[in-house]
Amino acid sequence: MSDVEVERNDGTESSAPGSGMAHFLWQQLPYVVALVLAIAGVAYTNVSHQSLVGYWEFLALSIGVVCVVTKWPEAEGKEAQLRLIWTQALHWVAVLVTMNIMLVSGVQQLLPTPATGLVLLTLLALGTFLAGVSLLSLQISFLGLAMGLTVPAISWLKQSVFFFLLGAVLLIGLGITFWLRQDRRPATRSINNHREA
């Protein structure tokens, strides 16, 4: 081996950990984006009090596409690829039909708009988790689980905002009290020292 080839090999070995981490993050990007979009959809629904029917349908279809694209390299042969496409298509059509049943006007009147967003996120989370189980994909299953855990987290956070606000006011009040007390102590000591002298 020449010195140039040794230097090239050394250079590639030292840059491999950085590129390996970048490659890993790039592979996880679709899952992170789907989770962020799901949480953003619920947040927007809670703030605007409007259900985003098209948004949830788009998100369900996007996750279905992510499921197919991530498992495509593992499907060997045309038959396995067609089976992957059809099973995921049927799975996500069932999820979309269930979501639209929740949006029928008779059912919609039973739920307030913010609750509708949480119900749609729950259905999307369940569909994602089940797609991950059927595809034997840990990332897709974890995405569904993470979406499912955001539902109680969002409702708990919404109910606890008042308590967080009261706690913050209490902490600020205690901080101001101790801060003012600290400012008075040196002044009191210096007055006592002047009196003794």
C-alpha atoms as a PDB file:
ATOM      1  CA  MET A   1       0.000   0.000   0.000  1.00  0.00           C
ATOM      2  CA  SER A   2       1.263   3.446  -0.770  1.00  0.00           C
ATOM      3  CA  ASP A   3       1.360   6.320   1.718  1.00  0.00           C
ATOM      4  CA  VAL A   4      -1.459   8.105  -0.113  1.00  0.00           C
ATOM      5  CA  GLU A   5      -3.773   5.088   0.202  1.00  0.00           C
ATOM      6  CA  VAL A   6      -2.950   4.747   3.911  1.00  0.00           C
ATOM      7  CA  GLU A   7      -3.767   8.421   4.463  1.00  0.00           C
ATOM      8  CA  ARG A   8      -7.060   8.046   2.562  1.00  0.00           C
ATOM      9  CA  ASN A   9      -8.007   5.000   4.656  1.00  0.00           C
ATOM     10  CA  ASP A  10      -7.111   6.811   7.872  1.00  0.00           C
ATOM     11  CA  GLY A  11      -9.185   9.794   6.786  1.00  0.00           C
ATOM     12  CA  THR A  12     -12.234   7.669   6.017  1.00  0.00           C
ATOM     13  CA  GLU A  13     -11.988   5.729   9.256  1.00  0.00           C
ATOM     14  CA  SER A  14     -11.838   8.884  11.345  1.00  0.00           C
ATOM     15  CA  SER A  15     -14.822  10.475   9.567  1.00  0.00           C
ATOM     16  CA  ALA A  16     -16.930   7.302   9.709  1.00  0.00           C
ATOM     17  CA  PRO A  17     -18.395   7.898  13.211  1.00  0.00           C
ATOM     18  CA  GLY A  18     -19.635  11.356  12.242  1.00  0.00           C
ATOM     19  CA  SER A  19     -21.116  10.152   8.978  1.00  0.00           C
ATOM     20  CA  GLY A  20     -22.601   7.117  10.737  1.00  0.00           C
ATOM     21  CA  MET A  21     -24.467   9.363  13.160  1.00  0.00           C
ATOM     22  CA  ALA A  22     -25.629  11.611  10.307  1.00  0.00           C
ATOM     23  CA  HIS A  23     -26.840   8.530   8.397  1.00  0.00           C
ATOM     24  CA  PHE A  24     -28.705   7.275  11.492  1.00  0.00           C
ATOM     25  CA  LEU A  25     -30.378  10.672  12.000  1.00  0.00           C
ATOM     26  CA  TRP A  26     -31.283  10.805   8.319  1.00  0.00           C
ATOM     27  CA  GLN A  27     -32.960   7.377   8.619  1.00  0.00           C
ATOM     28  CA  GLN A  28     -34.954   8.507  11.670  1.00  0.00           C
ATOM     29  CA  LEU A  29     -36.042  11.800  10.097  1.00  0.00           C
ATOM     30  CA  PRO A  30     -39.367  10.561   8.607  1.00  0.00           C
ATOM     31  CA  TYR A  31     -40.470   9.225  12.001  1.00  0.00           C
ATOM     32  CA  VAL A  32     -39.522  12.412  13.839  1.00  0.00           C
ATOM     33  CA  VAL A  33     -41.261  14.573  11.228  1.00  0.00           C
ATOM     34  CA  ALA A  34     -44.437  12.456  11.473  1.00  0.00           C
ATOM     35  CA  LEU A  35     -44.453  12.762  15.265  1.00  0.00           C
ATOM     36  CA  VAL A  36     -43.910  16.530  15.147  1.00  0.00           C
ATOM     37  CA  LEU A  37     -46.662  16.942  12.546  1.00  0.00           C
ATOM     38  CA  ALA A  38     -49.086  14.903  14.659  1.00  0.00           C
ATOM     39  CA  ILE A  39     -48.406  16.977  17.778  1.00  0.00           C
ATOM     40  CA  ALA A  40     -48.631  20.197  15.749  1.00  0.00           C
ATOM     41  CA  GLY A  41     -52.006  19.100  14.386  1.00  0.00           C
ATOM     42  CA  VAL A  42     -53.404  18.524  17.869  1.00  0.00           C
ATOM     43  CA  ALA A  43     -51.959  21.821  19.099  1.00  0.00           C
ATOM     44  CA  TYR A  44     -53.483  23.719  16.182  1.00  0.00           C
ATOM     45  CA  THR A  45     -56.853  22.000  16.703  1.00  0.00           C
ATOM     46  CA  ASN A  46     -56.827  22.933  20.394  1.00  0.00           C
ATOM     47  CA  VAL A  47     -55.954  26.570  19.674  1.00  0.00           C
ATOM     48  CA  SER A  48     -58.170  27.193  16.640  1.00  0.00           C
ATOM     49  CA  HIS A  49     -61.093  24.941  17.732  1.00  0.00           C
ATOM     50  CA  GLN A  50     -61.400  23.657  14.150  1.00  0.00           C
ATOM     51  CA  SER A  51     -60.926  20.049  13.169  1.00  0.00           C
ATOM     52  CA  LEU A  52     -58.407  19.596  10.383  1.00  0.00           C
ATOM     53  CA  VAL A  53     -59.922  16.735   8.428  1.00  0.00           C
ATOM     54  CA  GLY A  54     -57.627  17.020   5.413  1.00  0.00           C
ATOM     55  CA  TYR A  55     -54.572  17.366   7.616  1.00  0.00           C
ATOM     56  CA  TRP A  56     -55.211  14.091   9.454  1.00  0.00           C
ATOM     57  CA  GLU A  57     -55.949  12.276   6.207  1.00  0.00           C
ATOM     58  CA  PHE A  58     -52.727  13.611   4.678  1.00  0.00           C
ATOM     59  CA  LEU A  59     -50.770  12.556   7.773  1.00  0.00           C
ATOM     60  CA  ALA A  60     -52.245   9.034   7.690  1.00  0.00           C
ATOM     61  CA  LEU A  61     -51.386   8.669   4.003  1.00  0.00           C
ATOM     62  CA  SER A  62     -47.882  10.037   4.642  1.00  0.00           C
ATOM     63  CA  ILE A  63     -47.246   7.498   7.385  1.00  0.00           C
ATOM     64  CA  GLY A  64     -48.525   4.780   5.065  1.00  0.00           C
ATOM     65  CA  VAL A  65     -46.031   5.886   2.422  1.00  0.00           C
ATOM     66  CA  VAL A  66     -43.252   5.919   5.053  1.00  0.00           C
ATOM     67  CA  CYS A  67     -44.194   2.353   6.011  1.00  0.00           C
ATOM     68  CA  VAL A  68     -43.938   1.164   2.411  1.00  0.00           C
ATOM     69  CA  VAL A  69     -40.753   3.084   1.609  1.00  0.00           C
ATOM     70  CA  THR A  70     -38.893   1.924   4.720  1.00  0.00           C
ATOM     71  CA  LYS A  71     -39.793  -1.735   4.191  1.00  0.00           C
ATOM     72  CA  TRP A  72     -39.373  -1.733   0.380  1.00  0.00           C
ATOM     73  CA  PRO A  73     -35.687  -2.779   0.396  1.00  0.00           C
ATOM     74  CA  GLU A  74     -36.534  -5.797   2.567  1.00  0.00           C
ATOM     75  CA  ALA A  75     -39.275  -7.014   0.204  1.00  0.00           C
ATOM     76  CA  GLU A  76     -37.554  -9.445  -2.131  1.00  0.00           C
ATOM     77  CA  GLY A  77     -39.287 -10.062  -5.436  1.00  0.00           C
ATOM     78  CA  LYS A  78     -42.296  -8.551  -7.134  1.00  0.00           C
ATOM     79  CA  GLU A  79     -44.774 -10.677  -5.200  1.00  0.00           C
ATOM     80  CA  ALA A  80     -43.462  -9.515  -1.820  1.00  0.00           C
ATOM     81  CA  GLN A  81     -43.445  -5.889  -2.996  1.00  0.00           C
ATOM     82  CA  LEU A  82     -47.054  -6.133  -4.224  1.00  0.00           C
ATOM     83  CA  ARG A  83     -48.079  -7.780  -0.957  1.00  0.00           C
ATOM     84  CA  LEU A  84     -46.421  -4.944   0.974  1.00  0.00           C
ATOM     85  CA  ILE A  85     -48.242  -2.309  -1.068  1.00  0.00           C
ATOM     86  CA  TRP A  86     -51.650  -3.963  -0.853  1.00  0.00           C
ATOM     87  CA  THR A  87     -51.509  -4.825   2.833  1.00  0.00           C
ATOM     88  CA  GLN A  88     -50.428  -1.298   3.739  1.00  0.00           C
ATOM     89  CA  ALA A  89     -53.009   0.227   1.390  1.00  0.00           C
ATOM     90  CA  LEU A  90     -55.815  -1.820   2.995  1.00  0.00           C
ATOM     91  CA  HIS A  91     -54.518  -1.056   6.477  1.00  0.00           C
ATOM     92  CA  TRP A  92     -54.394   2.699   5.934  1.00  0.00           C
ATOM     93  CA  VAL A  93     -57.733   2.784   4.076  1.00  0.00           C
ATOM     94  CA  ALA A  94     -59.267   1.142   7.161  1.00  0.00           C
ATOM     95  CA  VAL A  95     -57.656   3.801   9.374  1.00  0.00           C
ATOM     96  CA  LEU A  96     -58.941   6.580   7.083  1.00  0.00           C
ATOM     97  CA  VAL A  97     -62.468   5.141   7.068  1.00  0.00           C
ATOM     98  CA  THR A  98     -62.435   4.969  10.873  1.00  0.00           C
ATOM     99  CA  MET A  99     -61.208   8.569  11.082  1.00  0.00           C
ATOM    100  CA  ASN A 100     -63.966   9.715   8.749  1.00  0.00           C
ATOM    101  CA  ILE A 101     -66.580   7.846  10.795  1.00  0.00           C
ATOM    102  CA  MET A 102     -65.486   9.977  13.759  1.00  0.00           C
ATOM    103  CA  LEU A 103     -65.973  13.094  11.618  1.00  0.00           C
ATOM    104  CA  VAL A 104     -69.553  12.299  10.565  1.00  0.00           C
ATOM    105  CA  SER A 105     -71.775  15.136  11.750  1.00  0.00           C
ATOM    106  CA  GLY A 106     -73.789  12.944  14.140  1.00  0.00           C
ATOM    107  CA  VAL A 107     -70.663  11.710  15.900  1.00  0.00           C
ATOM    108  CA  GLN A 108     -68.980  15.119  15.625  1.00  0.00           C
ATOM    109  CA  GLN A 109     -71.776  16.736  17.660  1.00  0.00           C
ATOM    110  CA  LEU A 110     -71.008  14.426  20.590  1.00  0.00           C
ATOM    111  CA  LEU A 111     -67.381  15.552  20.829  1.00  0.00           C
ATOM    112  CA  PRO A 112     -65.988  19.030  21.278  1.00  0.00           C
ATOM    113  CA  THR A 113     -63.513  20.075  18.573  1.00  0.00           C
ATOM    114  CA  PRO A 114     -60.350  19.722  20.726  1.00  0.00           C
ATOM    115  CA  ALA A 115     -61.440  16.203  21.696  1.00  0.00           C
ATOM    116  CA  THR A 116     -61.891  15.354  18.022  1.00  0.00           C
ATOM    117  CA  GLY A 117     -58.225  16.156  17.406  1.00  0.00           C
ATOM    118  CA  LEU A 118     -57.198  13.866  20.252  1.00  0.00           C
ATOM    119  CA  VAL A 119     -59.455  11.066  19.003  1.00  0.00           C
ATOM    120  CA  LEU A 120     -58.004  11.359  15.496  1.00  0.00           C
ATOM    121  CA  LEU A 121     -54.475  11.331  16.921  1.00  0.00           C
ATOM    122  CA  THR A 122     -55.381   8.223  18.937  1.00  0.00           C
ATOM    123  CA  LEU A 123     -56.668   6.464  15.809  1.00  0.00           C
ATOM    124  CA  LEU A 124     -53.563   7.513  13.887  1.00  0.00           C
ATOM    125  CA  ALA A 125     -51.349   6.272  16.725  1.00  0.00           C
ATOM    126  CA  LEU A 126     -53.160   2.933  16.827  1.00  0.00           C
ATOM    127  CA  GLY A 127     -52.915   2.549  13.058  1.00  0.00           C
ATOM    128  CA  THR A 128     -49.213   3.399  13.125  1.00  0.00           C
ATOM    129  CA  PHE A 129     -48.477   1.001  15.980  1.00  0.00           C
ATOM    130  CA  LEU A 130     -50.371  -1.843  14.287  1.00  0.00           C
ATOM    131  CA  ALA A 131     -48.589  -1.136  10.991  1.00  0.00           C
ATOM    132  CA  GLY A 132     -45.280  -1.380  12.845  1.00  0.00           C
ATOM    133  CA  VAL A 133     -46.302  -4.685  14.414  1.00  0.00           C
ATOM    134  CA  SER A 134     -47.423  -6.174  11.097  1.00  0.00           C
ATOM    135  CA  LEU A 135     -44.227  -4.991   9.374  1.00  0.00           C
ATOM    136  CA  LEU A 136     -42.030  -6.044  12.316  1.00  0.00           C
ATOM    137  CA  SER A 137     -40.614  -2.512  12.397  1.00  0.00           C
ATOM    138  CA  LEU A 138     -39.462  -1.227  15.752  1.00  0.00           C
ATOM    139  CA  GLN A 139     -39.273   2.394  14.531  1.00  0.00           C
ATOM    140  CA  ILE A 140     -42.843   2.462  13.203  1.00  0.00           C
ATOM    141  CA  SER A 141     -44.157   0.745  16.343  1.00  0.00           C
ATOM    142  CA  PHE A 142     -42.298   3.246  18.506  1.00  0.00           C
ATOM    143  CA  LEU A 143     -43.720   6.117  16.441  1.00  0.00           C
ATOM    144  CA  GLY A 144     -47.231   4.810  17.066  1.00  0.00           C
ATOM    145  CA  LEU A 145     -46.486   4.367  20.761  1.00  0.00           C
ATOM    146  CA  ALA A 146     -45.046   7.890  20.994  1.00  0.00           C
ATOM    147  CA  MET A 147     -48.120   9.322  19.270  1.00  0.00           C
ATOM    148  CA  GLY A 148     -50.352   7.379  21.627  1.00  0.00           C
ATOM    149  CA  LEU A 149     -48.480   8.672  24.681  1.00  0.00           C
ATOM    150  CA  THR A 150     -48.870  12.264  23.509  1.00  0.00           C
ATOM    151  CA  VAL A 151     -52.660  11.995  23.856  1.00  0.00           C
ATOM    152  CA  PRO A 152     -52.736  11.704  27.674  1.00  0.00           C
ATOM    153  CA  ALA A 153     -49.729  14.016  27.901  1.00  0.00           C
ATOM    154  CA  ILE A 154     -51.555  16.752  25.965  1.00  0.00           C
ATOM    155  CA  SER A 155     -54.749  16.388  27.990  1.00  0.00           C
ATOM    156  CA  TRP A 156     -52.781  16.297  31.266  1.00  0.00           C
ATOM    157  CA  LEU A 157     -50.784  19.354  30.264  1.00  0.00           C
ATOM    158  CA  LYS A 158     -53.952  21.202  29.278  1.00  0.00           C
ATOM    159  CA  GLN A 159     -55.537  20.455  32.663  1.00  0.00           C
ATOM    160  CA  SER A 160     -52.343  21.211  34.577  1.00  0.00           C
ATOM    161  CA  VAL A 161     -51.513  24.571  33.001  1.00  0.00           C
ATOM    162  CA  PHE A 162     -53.302  26.377  35.820  1.00  0.00           C
ATOM    163  CA  PHE A 163     -51.324  24.451  38.456  1.00  0.00           C
ATOM    164  CA  PHE A 164     -48.063  25.105  36.599  1.00  0.00           C
ATOM    165  CA  LEU A 165     -48.951  28.803  36.514  1.00  0.00           C
ATOM    166  CA  LEU A 166     -49.681  28.847  40.252  1.00  0.00           C
ATOM    167  CA  GLY A 167     -46.447  26.971  40.946  1.00  0.00           C
ATOM    168  CA  ALA A 168     -44.474  29.440  38.836  1.00  0.00           C
ATOM    169  CA  VAL A 169     -46.041  32.387  40.685  1.00  0.00           C
ATOM    170  CA  LEU A 170     -45.207  30.722  44.022  1.00  0.00           C
ATOM    171  CA  LEU A 171     -41.592  30.123  42.990  1.00  0.00           C
ATOM    172  CA  ILE A 172     -41.217  33.680  41.728  1.00  0.00           C
ATOM    173  CA  GLY A 173     -42.698  35.022  44.964  1.00  0.00           C
ATOM    174  CA  LEU A 174     -40.348  32.899  47.078  1.00  0.00           C
ATOM    175  CA  GLY A 175     -37.400  33.953  44.926  1.00  0.00           C
ATOM    176  CA  ILE A 176     -38.232  37.634  45.311  1.00  0.00           C
ATOM    177  CA  THR A 177     -38.688  37.224  49.073  1.00  0.00           C
ATOM    178  CA  PHE A 178     -35.301  35.552  49.528  1.00  0.00           C
ATOM    179  CA  TRP A 179     -33.642  38.012  47.170  1.00  0.00           C
ATOM    180  CA  LEU A 180     -35.008  40.991  49.098  1.00  0.00           C
ATOM    181  CA  ARG A 181     -33.983  39.359  52.379  1.00  0.00           C
ATOM    182  CA  GLN A 182     -30.431  38.851  51.070  1.00  0.00           C
ATOM    183  CA  ASP A 183     -30.240  42.507  50.031  1.00  0.00           C
ATOM    184  CA  ARG A 184     -31.261  43.699  53.545  1.00  0.00           C
ATOM    185  CA  ARG A 185     -28.750  41.591  55.500  1.00  0.00           C
ATOM    186  CA  PRO A 186     -25.551  43.332  54.380  1.00  0.00           C
ATOM    187  CA  ALA A 187     -27.142  46.740  54.976  1.00  0.00           C
ATOM    188  CA  THR A 188     -28.212  45.751  58.500  1.00  0.00           C
ATOM    189  CA  ARG A 189     -24.761  44.365  59.322  1.00  0.00           C
ATOM    190  CA  SER A 190     -23.005  47.480  58.080  1.00  0.00           C
ATOM    191  CA  ILE A 191     -25.313  49.697  60.211  1.00  0.00           C
ATOM    192  CA  ASN A 192     -24.601  47.541  63.285  1.00  0.00           C
ATOM    193  CA  ASN A 193     -20.860  47.734  62.601  1.00  0.00           C
ATOM    194  CA  HIS A 194     -21.011  51.548  62.365  1.00  0.00           C
ATOM    195  CA  ARG A 195     -22.922  51.774  65.681  1.00  0.00           C
ATOM    196  CA  GLU A 196     -20.348  49.619  67.476  1.00  0.00           C
ATOM    197  CA  ALA A 197     -17.483  51.786  66.200  1.00  0.00           C
END
